[in-house]
PDB file of all heavy atoms in Angstrom:
ATOM      1  N   GLY A   1      -9.595   8.326 -22.959  1.00  0.00           N
ATOM      2  CA  GLY A   1     -10.492   7.186 -23.051  1.00  0.00           C
ATOM      3  C   GLY A   1      -9.916   5.882 -22.530  1.00  0.00           C
ATOM      4  O   GLY A   1     -10.647   4.886 -22.401  1.00  0.00           O
ATOM      5  N   ASP A   2      -8.626   5.845 -22.196  1.00  0.00           N
ATOM      6  CA  ASP A   2      -8.027   4.632 -21.630  1.00  0.00           C
ATOM      7  C   ASP A   2      -8.619   4.345 -20.253  1.00  0.00           C
ATOM      8  O   ASP A   2      -8.992   5.251 -19.506  1.00  0.00           O
ATOM      9  CB  ASP A   2      -6.515   4.776 -21.498  1.00  0.00           C
ATOM     10  CG  ASP A   2      -5.801   4.654 -22.827  1.00  0.00           C
ATOM     11  OD1 ASP A   2      -6.440   4.212 -23.793  1.00  0.00           O
ATOM     12  OD2 ASP A   2      -4.611   5.020 -22.892  1.00  0.00           O
ATOM     13  N   LYS A   3      -8.664   3.083 -19.909  1.00  0.00           N
ATOM     14  CA  LYS A   3      -9.077   2.639 -18.576  1.00  0.00           C
ATOM     15  C   LYS A   3      -7.947   1.812 -17.973  1.00  0.00           C
ATOM     16  O   LYS A   3      -7.173   1.190 -18.699  1.00  0.00           O
ATOM     17  CB  LYS A   3     -10.360   1.818 -18.669  1.00  0.00           C
ATOM     18  CG  LYS A   3     -11.564   2.611 -19.178  1.00  0.00           C
ATOM     19  CD  LYS A   3     -12.762   1.734 -19.415  1.00  0.00           C
ATOM     20  CE  LYS A   3     -12.616   0.915 -20.679  1.00  0.00           C
ATOM     21  NZ  LYS A   3     -12.655   1.739 -21.893  1.00  0.00           N
ATOM     22  N   PHE A   4      -7.870   1.788 -16.648  1.00  0.00           N
ATOM     23  CA  PHE A   4      -6.806   1.006 -16.015  1.00  0.00           C
ATOM     24  C   PHE A   4      -7.252   0.461 -14.664  1.00  0.00           C
ATOM     25  O   PHE A   4      -8.140   1.006 -14.005  1.00  0.00           O
ATOM     26  CB  PHE A   4      -5.521   1.845 -15.853  1.00  0.00           C
ATOM     27  CG  PHE A   4      -5.636   3.023 -14.929  1.00  0.00           C
ATOM     28  CD1 PHE A   4      -5.441   2.892 -13.557  1.00  0.00           C
ATOM     29  CD2 PHE A   4      -5.917   4.287 -15.433  1.00  0.00           C
ATOM     30  CE1 PHE A   4      -5.534   3.977 -12.717  1.00  0.00           C
ATOM     31  CE2 PHE A   4      -6.011   5.386 -14.593  1.00  0.00           C
ATOM     32  CZ  PHE A   4      -5.813   5.232 -13.231  1.00  0.00           C
ATOM     33  N   VAL A   5      -6.625  -0.645 -14.298  1.00  0.00           N
ATOM     34  CA  VAL A   5      -6.743  -1.193 -12.952  1.00  0.00           C
ATOM     35  C   VAL A   5      -5.333  -1.243 -12.378  1.00  0.00           C
ATOM     36  O   VAL A   5      -4.366  -1.490 -13.100  1.00  0.00           O
ATOM     37  CB  VAL A   5      -7.394  -2.594 -12.933  1.00  0.00           C
ATOM     38  CG1 VAL A   5      -8.859  -2.503 -13.320  1.00  0.00           C
ATOM     39  CG2 VAL A   5      -6.648  -3.562 -13.833  1.00  0.00           C
ATOM     40  N   GLU A   6      -5.246  -1.024 -11.106  1.00  0.00           N
ATOM     41  CA  GLU A   6      -3.940  -0.895 -10.461  1.00  0.00           C
ATOM     42  C   GLU A   6      -4.011  -1.520  -9.083  1.00  0.00           C
ATOM     43  O   GLU A   6      -5.039  -1.460  -8.410  1.00  0.00           O
ATOM     44  CB  GLU A   6      -3.598   0.598 -10.367  1.00  0.00           C
ATOM     45  CG  GLU A   6      -2.216   0.923  -9.860  1.00  0.00           C
ATOM     46  CD  GLU A   6      -2.013   2.438  -9.852  1.00  0.00           C
ATOM     47  OE1 GLU A   6      -2.629   3.108  -8.989  1.00  0.00           O
ATOM     48  OE2 GLU A   6      -1.275   2.944 -10.703  1.00  0.00           O
ATOM     49  N   GLY A   7      -2.930  -2.115  -8.660  1.00  0.00           N
ATOM     50  CA  GLY A   7      -2.869  -2.676  -7.324  1.00  0.00           C
ATOM     51  C   GLY A   7      -1.525  -2.391  -6.693  1.00  0.00           C
ATOM     52  O   GLY A   7      -0.480  -2.588  -7.318  1.00  0.00           O
ATOM     53  N   SER A   8      -1.550  -1.892  -5.467  1.00  0.00           N
ATOM     54  CA  SER A   8      -0.302  -1.626  -4.751  1.00  0.00           C
ATOM     55  C   SER A   8      -0.372  -2.261  -3.372  1.00  0.00           C
ATOM     56  O   SER A   8      -1.444  -2.392  -2.781  1.00  0.00           O
ATOM     57  CB  SER A   8      -0.054  -0.120  -4.620  1.00  0.00           C
ATOM     58  OG  SER A   8      -1.120   0.513  -3.923  1.00  0.00           O
ATOM     59  N   PHE A   9       0.783  -2.675  -2.873  1.00  0.00           N
ATOM     60  CA  PHE A   9       0.864  -3.372  -1.597  1.00  0.00           C
ATOM     61  C   PHE A   9       2.005  -2.796  -0.778  1.00  0.00           C
ATOM     62  O   PHE A   9       3.052  -2.443  -1.325  1.00  0.00           O
ATOM     63  CB  PHE A   9       1.092  -4.872  -1.815  1.00  0.00           C
ATOM     64  CG  PHE A   9       1.215  -5.655  -0.542  1.00  0.00           C
ATOM     65  CD1 PHE A   9       0.090  -6.007   0.182  1.00  0.00           C
ATOM     66  CD2 PHE A   9       2.456  -6.031  -0.062  1.00  0.00           C
ATOM     67  CE1 PHE A   9       0.201  -6.732   1.371  1.00  0.00           C
ATOM     68  CE2 PHE A   9       2.592  -6.749   1.112  1.00  0.00           C
ATOM     69  CZ  PHE A   9       1.449  -7.104   1.833  1.00  0.00           C
ATOM     70  N   ARG A  10       1.781  -2.704   0.514  1.00  0.00           N
ATOM     71  CA  ARG A  10       2.824  -2.196   1.405  1.00  0.00           C
ATOM     72  C   ARG A  10       2.825  -2.997   2.696  1.00  0.00           C
ATOM     73  O   ARG A  10       1.768  -3.330   3.238  1.00  0.00           O
ATOM     74  CB  ARG A  10       2.574  -0.718   1.711  1.00  0.00           C
ATOM     75  CG  ARG A  10       3.537  -0.120   2.735  1.00  0.00           C
ATOM     76  CD  ARG A  10       3.200   1.326   2.992  1.00  0.00           C
ATOM     77  NE  ARG A  10       3.905   1.844   4.148  1.00  0.00           N
ATOM     78  CZ  ARG A  10       3.663   3.021   4.702  1.00  0.00           C
ATOM     79  NH1 ARG A  10       2.729   3.794   4.190  1.00  0.00           N
ATOM     80  NH2 ARG A  10       4.341   3.416   5.746  1.00  0.00           N
ATOM     81  N   TYR A  11       4.019  -3.309   3.190  1.00  0.00           N
ATOM     82  CA  TYR A  11       4.161  -4.028   4.456  1.00  0.00           C
ATOM     83  C   TYR A  11       5.337  -3.448   5.231  1.00  0.00           C
ATOM     84  O   TYR A  11       6.383  -3.123   4.653  1.00  0.00           O
ATOM     85  CB  TYR A  11       4.407  -5.520   4.212  1.00  0.00           C
ATOM     86  CG  TYR A  11       4.689  -6.286   5.483  1.00  0.00           C
ATOM     87  CD1 TYR A  11       3.660  -6.699   6.304  1.00  0.00           C
ATOM     88  CD2 TYR A  11       6.009  -6.570   5.870  1.00  0.00           C
ATOM     89  CE1 TYR A  11       3.911  -7.391   7.480  1.00  0.00           C
ATOM     90  CE2 TYR A  11       6.269  -7.259   7.045  1.00  0.00           C
ATOM     91  CZ  TYR A  11       5.207  -7.671   7.847  1.00  0.00           C
ATOM     92  OH  TYR A  11       5.472  -8.345   9.002  1.00  0.00           O
ATOM     93  N   SER A  12       5.159  -3.301   6.527  1.00  0.00           N
ATOM     94  CA  SER A  12       6.263  -2.827   7.368  1.00  0.00           C
ATOM     95  C   SER A  12       6.242  -3.578   8.690  1.00  0.00           C
ATOM     96  O   SER A  12       5.186  -3.981   9.180  1.00  0.00           O
ATOM     97  CB  SER A  12       6.158  -1.315   7.624  1.00  0.00           C
ATOM     98  OG  SER A  12       5.014  -1.006   8.389  1.00  0.00           O
ATOM     99  N   SER A  13       7.429  -3.759   9.236  1.00  0.00           N
ATOM    100  CA  SER A  13       7.565  -4.465  10.506  1.00  0.00           C
ATOM    101  C   SER A  13       8.643  -3.786  11.328  1.00  0.00           C
ATOM    102  O   SER A  13       9.715  -3.451  10.812  1.00  0.00           O
ATOM    103  CB  SER A  13       7.934  -5.934  10.261  1.00  0.00           C
ATOM    104  OG  SER A  13       8.134  -6.615  11.477  1.00  0.00           O
ATOM    105  N   GLN A  14       8.349  -3.560  12.597  1.00  0.00           N
ATOM    106  CA  GLN A  14       9.307  -2.940  13.506  1.00  0.00           C
ATOM    107  C   GLN A  14       9.434  -3.801  14.748  1.00  0.00           C
ATOM    108  O   GLN A  14       8.442  -4.133  15.384  1.00  0.00           O
ATOM    109  CB  GLN A  14       8.863  -1.534  13.894  1.00  0.00           C
ATOM    110  CG  GLN A  14       8.819  -0.556  12.738  1.00  0.00           C
ATOM    111  CD  GLN A  14       8.408   0.838  13.155  1.00  0.00           C
ATOM    112  OE1 GLN A  14       7.993   1.051  14.295  1.00  0.00           O
ATOM    113  NE2 GLN A  14       8.507   1.783  12.250  1.00  0.00           N
ATOM    114  N   ASN A  15      10.668  -4.163  15.072  1.00  0.00           N
ATOM    115  CA  ASN A  15      10.945  -4.975  16.253  1.00  0.00           C
ATOM    116  C   ASN A  15      11.801  -4.184  17.223  1.00  0.00           C
ATOM    117  O   ASN A  15      12.836  -3.638  16.854  1.00  0.00           O
ATOM    118  CB  ASN A  15      11.670  -6.270  15.867  1.00  0.00           C
ATOM    119  CG  ASN A  15      10.831  -7.144  14.965  1.00  0.00           C
ATOM    120  OD1 ASN A  15       9.649  -7.349  15.224  1.00  0.00           O
ATOM    121  ND2 ASN A  15      11.438  -7.662  13.896  1.00  0.00           N
ATOM    122  N   GLY A  16      11.361  -4.111  18.466  1.00  0.00           N
ATOM    123  CA  GLY A  16      12.113  -3.367  19.466  1.00  0.00           C
ATOM    124  C   GLY A  16      13.391  -4.085  19.840  1.00  0.00           C
ATOM    125  O   GLY A  16      13.383  -5.281  20.153  1.00  0.00           O
ATOM    126  N   ASP A  17      14.521  -3.381  19.798  1.00  0.00           N
ATOM    127  CA  ASP A  17      15.799  -3.987  20.152  1.00  0.00           C
ATOM    128  C   ASP A  17      15.913  -4.242  21.649  1.00  0.00           C
ATOM    129  O   ASP A  17      16.444  -5.250  22.080  1.00  0.00           O
ATOM    130  CB  ASP A  17      16.954  -3.077  19.706  1.00  0.00           C
ATOM    131  CG  ASP A  17      17.009  -2.952  18.196  1.00  0.00           C
ATOM    132  OD1 ASP A  17      16.588  -3.900  17.512  1.00  0.00           O
ATOM    133  OD2 ASP A  17      17.449  -1.886  17.710  1.00  0.00           O
ATOM    134  N   SER A  18      15.401  -3.312  22.447  1.00  0.00           N
ATOM    135  CA  SER A  18      15.551  -3.429  23.898  1.00  0.00           C
ATOM    136  C   SER A  18      14.277  -3.873  24.595  1.00  0.00           C
ATOM    137  O   SER A  18      14.311  -4.337  25.725  1.00  0.00           O
ATOM    138  CB  SER A  18      15.993  -2.080  24.486  1.00  0.00           C
ATOM    139  OG  SER A  18      15.052  -1.063  24.163  1.00  0.00           O
ATOM    140  N   SER A  19      13.125  -3.740  23.915  1.00  0.00           N
ATOM    141  CA  SER A  19      11.857  -4.082  24.541  1.00  0.00           C
ATOM    142  C   SER A  19      11.005  -4.898  23.579  1.00  0.00           C
ATOM    143  O   SER A  19      10.663  -4.421  22.501  1.00  0.00           O
ATOM    144  CB  SER A  19      11.100  -2.813  24.956  1.00  0.00           C
ATOM    145  OG  SER A  19       9.810  -3.143  25.437  1.00  0.00           O
ATOM    146  N   PRO A  20      10.633  -6.135  23.958  1.00  0.00           N
ATOM    147  CA  PRO A  20       9.806  -6.957  23.077  1.00  0.00           C
ATOM    148  C   PRO A  20       8.431  -6.350  22.834  1.00  0.00           C
ATOM    149  O   PRO A  20       7.771  -6.667  21.855  1.00  0.00           O
ATOM    150  CB  PRO A  20       9.690  -8.287  23.839  1.00  0.00           C
ATOM    151  CG  PRO A  20      10.719  -8.251  24.901  1.00  0.00           C
ATOM    152  CD  PRO A  20      11.013  -6.827  25.183  1.00  0.00           C
ATOM    153  N   THR A  21       7.975  -5.484  23.753  1.00  0.00           N
ATOM    154  CA  THR A  21       6.644  -4.891  23.626  1.00  0.00           C
ATOM    155  C   THR A  21       6.602  -3.798  22.574  1.00  0.00           C
ATOM    156  O   THR A  21       5.549  -3.217  22.341  1.00  0.00           O
ATOM    157  CB  THR A  21       6.193  -4.312  24.978  1.00  0.00           C
ATOM    158  OG1 THR A  21       7.115  -3.295  25.382  1.00  0.00           O
ATOM    159  CG2 THR A  21       6.136  -5.392  26.045  1.00  0.00           C
ATOM    160  N   ALA A  22       7.742  -3.491  21.962  1.00  0.00           N
ATOM    161  CA  ALA A  22       7.773  -2.436  20.941  1.00  0.00           C
ATOM    162  C   ALA A  22       7.510  -2.983  19.543  1.00  0.00           C
ATOM    163  O   ALA A  22       7.627  -2.267  18.574  1.00  0.00           O
ATOM    164  CB  ALA A  22       9.113  -1.715  20.973  1.00  0.00           C
ATOM    165  N   GLU A  23       7.160  -4.258  19.425  1.00  0.00           N
ATOM    166  CA  GLU A  23       6.949  -4.860  18.121  1.00  0.00           C
ATOM    167  C   GLU A  23       5.642  -4.371  17.496  1.00  0.00           C
ATOM    168  O   GLU A  23       4.632  -4.220  18.166  1.00  0.00           O
ATOM    169  CB  GLU A  23       6.914  -6.382  18.235  1.00  0.00           C
ATOM    170  CG  GLU A  23       8.243  -7.000  18.640  1.00  0.00           C
ATOM    171  CD  GLU A  23       8.189  -8.516  18.619  1.00  0.00           C
ATOM    172  OE1 GLU A  23       7.118  -9.052  18.275  1.00  0.00           O
ATOM    173  OE2 GLU A  23       9.196  -9.142  18.929  1.00  0.00           O
ATOM    174  N   SER A  24       5.685  -4.140  16.199  1.00  0.00           N
ATOM    175  CA  SER A  24       4.478  -3.757  15.471  1.00  0.00           C
ATOM    176  C   SER A  24       4.598  -4.224  14.020  1.00  0.00           C
ATOM    177  O   SER A  24       5.699  -4.309  13.471  1.00  0.00           O
ATOM    178  CB  SER A  24       4.265  -2.242  15.522  1.00  0.00           C
ATOM    179  OG  SER A  24       5.294  -1.566  14.838  1.00  0.00           O
ATOM    180  N   HIS A  25       3.457  -4.524  13.419  1.00  0.00           N
ATOM    181  CA  HIS A  25       3.401  -4.954  12.031  1.00  0.00           C
ATOM    182  C   HIS A  25       2.215  -4.274  11.369  1.00  0.00           C
ATOM    183  O   HIS A  25       1.152  -4.124  11.985  1.00  0.00           O
ATOM    184  CB  HIS A  25       3.251  -6.473  11.928  1.00  0.00           C
ATOM    185  CG  HIS A  25       4.252  -7.250  12.722  1.00  0.00           C
ATOM    186  ND1 HIS A  25       5.519  -7.536  12.258  1.00  0.00           N
ATOM    187  CD2 HIS A  25       4.188  -7.780  13.969  1.00  0.00           C
ATOM    188  CE1 HIS A  25       6.182  -8.222  13.166  1.00  0.00           C
ATOM    189  NE2 HIS A  25       5.394  -8.383  14.220  1.00  0.00           N
ATOM    190  N   SER A  26       2.378  -3.868  10.118  1.00  0.00           N
ATOM    191  CA  SER A  26       1.274  -3.238   9.397  1.00  0.00           C
ATOM    192  C   SER A  26       1.353  -3.601   7.922  1.00  0.00           C
ATOM    193  O   SER A  26       2.426  -3.871   7.391  1.00  0.00           O
ATOM    194  CB  SER A  26       1.292  -1.721   9.579  1.00  0.00           C
ATOM    195  OG  SER A  26       2.449  -1.150   9.005  1.00  0.00           O
ATOM    196  N   TRP A  27       0.186  -3.609   7.265  1.00  0.00           N
ATOM    197  CA  TRP A  27       0.119  -3.899   5.840  1.00  0.00           C
ATOM    198  C   TRP A  27      -1.054  -3.131   5.239  1.00  0.00           C
ATOM    199  O   TRP A  27      -1.989  -2.726   5.942  1.00  0.00           O
ATOM    200  CB  TRP A  27      -0.052  -5.397   5.589  1.00  0.00           C
ATOM    201  CG  TRP A  27      -1.339  -5.953   6.135  1.00  0.00           C
ATOM    202  CD1 TRP A  27      -1.573  -6.426   7.390  1.00  0.00           C
ATOM    203  CD2 TRP A  27      -2.593  -6.056   5.431  1.00  0.00           C
ATOM    204  NE1 TRP A  27      -2.873  -6.821   7.529  1.00  0.00           N
ATOM    205  CE2 TRP A  27      -3.532  -6.606   6.346  1.00  0.00           C
ATOM    206  CE3 TRP A  27      -3.000  -5.745   4.139  1.00  0.00           C
ATOM    207  CZ2 TRP A  27      -4.852  -6.861   5.985  1.00  0.00           C
ATOM    208  CZ3 TRP A  27      -4.327  -5.983   3.782  1.00  0.00           C
ATOM    209  CH2 TRP A  27      -5.224  -6.538   4.690  1.00  0.00           C
ATOM    210  N   SER A  28      -0.987  -2.908   3.935  1.00  0.00           N
ATOM    211  CA  SER A  28      -2.099  -2.272   3.232  1.00  0.00           C
ATOM    212  C   SER A  28      -2.121  -2.749   1.789  1.00  0.00           C
ATOM    213  O   SER A  28      -1.076  -3.031   1.194  1.00  0.00           O
ATOM    214  CB  SER A  28      -1.982  -0.745   3.277  1.00  0.00           C
ATOM    215  OG  SER A  28      -0.834  -0.299   2.581  1.00  0.00           O
ATOM    216  N   PHE A  29      -3.321  -2.839   1.226  1.00  0.00           N
ATOM    217  CA  PHE A  29      -3.527  -3.244  -0.161  1.00  0.00           C
ATOM    218  C   PHE A  29      -4.590  -2.333  -0.749  1.00  0.00           C
ATOM    219  O   PHE A  29      -5.656  -2.137  -0.152  1.00  0.00           O
ATOM    220  CB  PHE A  29      -3.954  -4.705  -0.245  1.00  0.00           C
ATOM    221  CG  PHE A  29      -4.321  -5.144  -1.637  1.00  0.00           C
ATOM    222  CD1 PHE A  29      -3.401  -5.055  -2.678  1.00  0.00           C
ATOM    223  CD2 PHE A  29      -5.584  -5.651  -1.909  1.00  0.00           C
ATOM    224  CE1 PHE A  29      -3.736  -5.459  -3.962  1.00  0.00           C
ATOM    225  CE2 PHE A  29      -5.921  -6.060  -3.184  1.00  0.00           C
ATOM    226  CZ  PHE A  29      -4.995  -5.966  -4.217  1.00  0.00           C
ATOM    227  N   ASN A  30      -4.300  -1.745  -1.928  1.00  0.00           N
ATOM    228  CA  ASN A  30      -5.178  -0.738  -2.515  1.00  0.00           C
ATOM    229  C   ASN A  30      -5.495  -1.047  -3.980  1.00  0.00           C
ATOM    230  O   ASN A  30      -4.843  -0.522  -4.878  1.00  0.00           O
ATOM    231  CB  ASN A  30      -4.542   0.650  -2.412  1.00  0.00           C
ATOM    232  CG  ASN A  30      -4.141   1.007  -0.999  1.00  0.00           C
ATOM    233  OD1 ASN A  30      -2.966   0.994  -0.651  1.00  0.00           O
ATOM    234  ND2 ASN A  30      -5.117   1.296  -0.172  1.00  0.00           N
ATOM    235  N   PRO A  31      -6.493  -1.900  -4.261  1.00  0.00           N
ATOM    236  CA  PRO A  31      -6.919  -2.096  -5.654  1.00  0.00           C
ATOM    237  C   PRO A  31      -7.604  -0.837  -6.174  1.00  0.00           C
ATOM    238  O   PRO A  31      -8.428  -0.225  -5.484  1.00  0.00           O
ATOM    239  CB  PRO A  31      -7.891  -3.272  -5.564  1.00  0.00           C
ATOM    240  CG  PRO A  31      -8.379  -3.271  -4.154  1.00  0.00           C
ATOM    241  CD  PRO A  31      -7.252  -2.738  -3.323  1.00  0.00           C
ATOM    242  N   THR A  32      -7.276  -0.442  -7.401  1.00  0.00           N
ATOM    243  CA  THR A  32      -7.693   0.854  -7.952  1.00  0.00           C
ATOM    244  C   THR A  32      -8.215   0.691  -9.374  1.00  0.00           C
ATOM    245  O   THR A  32      -7.700  -0.119 -10.138  1.00  0.00           O
ATOM    246  CB  THR A  32      -6.491   1.826  -7.961  1.00  0.00           C
ATOM    247  OG1 THR A  32      -6.001   1.976  -6.630  1.00  0.00           O
ATOM    248  CG2 THR A  32      -6.885   3.182  -8.520  1.00  0.00           C
ATOM    249  N   VAL A  33      -9.243   1.471  -9.714  1.00  0.00           N
ATOM    250  CA  VAL A  33      -9.720   1.554 -11.102  1.00  0.00           C
ATOM    251  C   VAL A  33      -9.725   3.025 -11.502  1.00  0.00           C
ATOM    252  O   VAL A  33      -9.983   3.904 -10.677  1.00  0.00           O
ATOM    253  CB  VAL A  33     -11.132   0.955 -11.269  1.00  0.00           C
ATOM    254  CG1 VAL A  33     -11.106  -0.533 -11.021  1.00  0.00           C
ATOM    255  CG2 VAL A  33     -12.143   1.633 -10.346  1.00  0.00           C
ATOM    256  N   GLY A  34      -9.403   3.303 -12.776  1.00  0.00           N
ATOM    257  CA  GLY A  34      -9.348   4.691 -13.233  1.00  0.00           C
ATOM    258  C   GLY A  34      -9.737   4.830 -14.684  1.00  0.00           C
ATOM    259  O   GLY A  34      -9.747   3.847 -15.452  1.00  0.00           O
ATOM    260  N   TYR A  35     -10.054   6.058 -15.070  1.00  0.00           N
ATOM    261  CA  TYR A  35     -10.461   6.374 -16.441  1.00  0.00           C
ATOM    262  C   TYR A  35      -9.801   7.675 -16.857  1.00  0.00           C
ATOM    263  O   TYR A  35      -9.814   8.662 -16.099  1.00  0.00           O
ATOM    264  CB  TYR A  35     -11.983   6.499 -16.528  1.00  0.00           C
ATOM    265  CG  TYR A  35     -12.488   6.902 -17.892  1.00  0.00           C
ATOM    266  CD1 TYR A  35     -12.568   5.975 -18.921  1.00  0.00           C
ATOM    267  CD2 TYR A  35     -12.885   8.218 -18.152  1.00  0.00           C
ATOM    268  CE1 TYR A  35     -13.033   6.337 -20.181  1.00  0.00           C
ATOM    269  CE2 TYR A  35     -13.348   8.598 -19.405  1.00  0.00           C
ATOM    270  CZ  TYR A  35     -13.414   7.646 -20.419  1.00  0.00           C
ATOM    271  OH  TYR A  35     -13.868   8.010 -21.654  1.00  0.00           O
ATOM    272  N   LEU A  36      -9.214   7.710 -18.067  1.00  0.00           N
ATOM    273  CA  LEU A  36      -8.533   8.885 -18.585  1.00  0.00           C
ATOM    274  C   LEU A  36      -9.535   9.815 -19.274  1.00  0.00           C
ATOM    275  O   LEU A  36     -10.062   9.494 -20.343  1.00  0.00           O
ATOM    276  CB  LEU A  36      -7.433   8.487 -19.566  1.00  0.00           C
ATOM    277  CG  LEU A  36      -6.033   8.206 -19.000  1.00  0.00           C
ATOM    278  CD1 LEU A  36      -5.417   9.455 -18.427  1.00  0.00           C
ATOM    279  CD2 LEU A  36      -6.069   7.078 -17.991  1.00  0.00           C
ATOM    280  N   LEU A  37      -9.810  10.962 -18.655  1.00  0.00           N
ATOM    281  CA  LEU A  37     -10.667  11.972 -19.273  1.00  0.00           C
ATOM    282  C   LEU A  37      -9.960  12.620 -20.460  1.00  0.00           C
ATOM    283  O   LEU A  37     -10.584  12.949 -21.468  1.00  0.00           O
ATOM    284  CB  LEU A  37     -11.054  13.035 -18.248  1.00  0.00           C
ATOM    285  CG  LEU A  37     -11.826  12.550 -17.020  1.00  0.00           C
ATOM    286  CD1 LEU A  37     -12.024  13.691 -16.042  1.00  0.00           C
ATOM    287  CD2 LEU A  37     -13.170  11.951 -17.428  1.00  0.00           C
ATOM    288  N   THR A  38      -8.656  12.848 -20.309  1.00  0.00           N
ATOM    289  CA  THR A  38      -7.776  13.321 -21.374  1.00  0.00           C
ATOM    290  C   THR A  38      -6.492  12.515 -21.256  1.00  0.00           C
ATOM    291  O   THR A  38      -6.400  11.599 -20.437  1.00  0.00           O
ATOM    292  CB  THR A  38      -7.470  14.831 -21.240  1.00  0.00           C
ATOM    293  OG1 THR A  38      -6.619  15.040 -20.096  1.00  0.00           O
ATOM    294  CG2 THR A  38      -8.752  15.634 -21.065  1.00  0.00           C
ATOM    295  N   ASP A  39      -5.475  12.856 -22.042  1.00  0.00           N
ATOM    296  CA  ASP A  39      -4.210  12.139 -21.888  1.00  0.00           C
ATOM    297  C   ASP A  39      -3.425  12.611 -20.671  1.00  0.00           C
ATOM    298  O   ASP A  39      -2.365  12.069 -20.362  1.00  0.00           O
ATOM    299  CB  ASP A  39      -3.358  12.270 -23.153  1.00  0.00           C
ATOM    300  CG  ASP A  39      -3.004  13.715 -23.466  1.00  0.00           C
ATOM    301  OD1 ASP A  39      -3.595  14.624 -22.851  1.00  0.00           O
ATOM    302  OD2 ASP A  39      -2.135  13.931 -24.334  1.00  0.00           O
ATOM    303  N   LYS A  40      -3.957  13.619 -19.939  1.00  0.00           N
ATOM    304  CA  LYS A  40      -3.302  14.145 -18.748  1.00  0.00           C
ATOM    305  C   LYS A  40      -4.096  13.889 -17.466  1.00  0.00           C
ATOM    306  O   LYS A  40      -3.520  13.705 -16.403  1.00  0.00           O
ATOM    307  CB  LYS A  40      -3.083  15.655 -18.883  1.00  0.00           C
ATOM    308  CG  LYS A  40      -2.137  16.068 -20.002  1.00  0.00           C
ATOM    309  CD  LYS A  40      -0.703  15.693 -19.699  1.00  0.00           C
ATOM    310  CE  LYS A  40       0.253  16.236 -20.738  1.00  0.00           C
ATOM    311  NZ  LYS A  40       1.660  15.857 -20.456  1.00  0.00           N
TER     312      LYS A  40
END
C-alpha cells in the first residue's frame, strides 16, 4: 500500500582528444511514481 515518487538524473560528456568534432553531450531525467501491491 505504500506509494512513492522518485527522480533520477544522468549526464555524460565526451570530448575528442584528437578531433574537436568528436564532442558529444547527453542528459536524461526520469520522474517516477509507483505503488506497492505487496511488500515485494
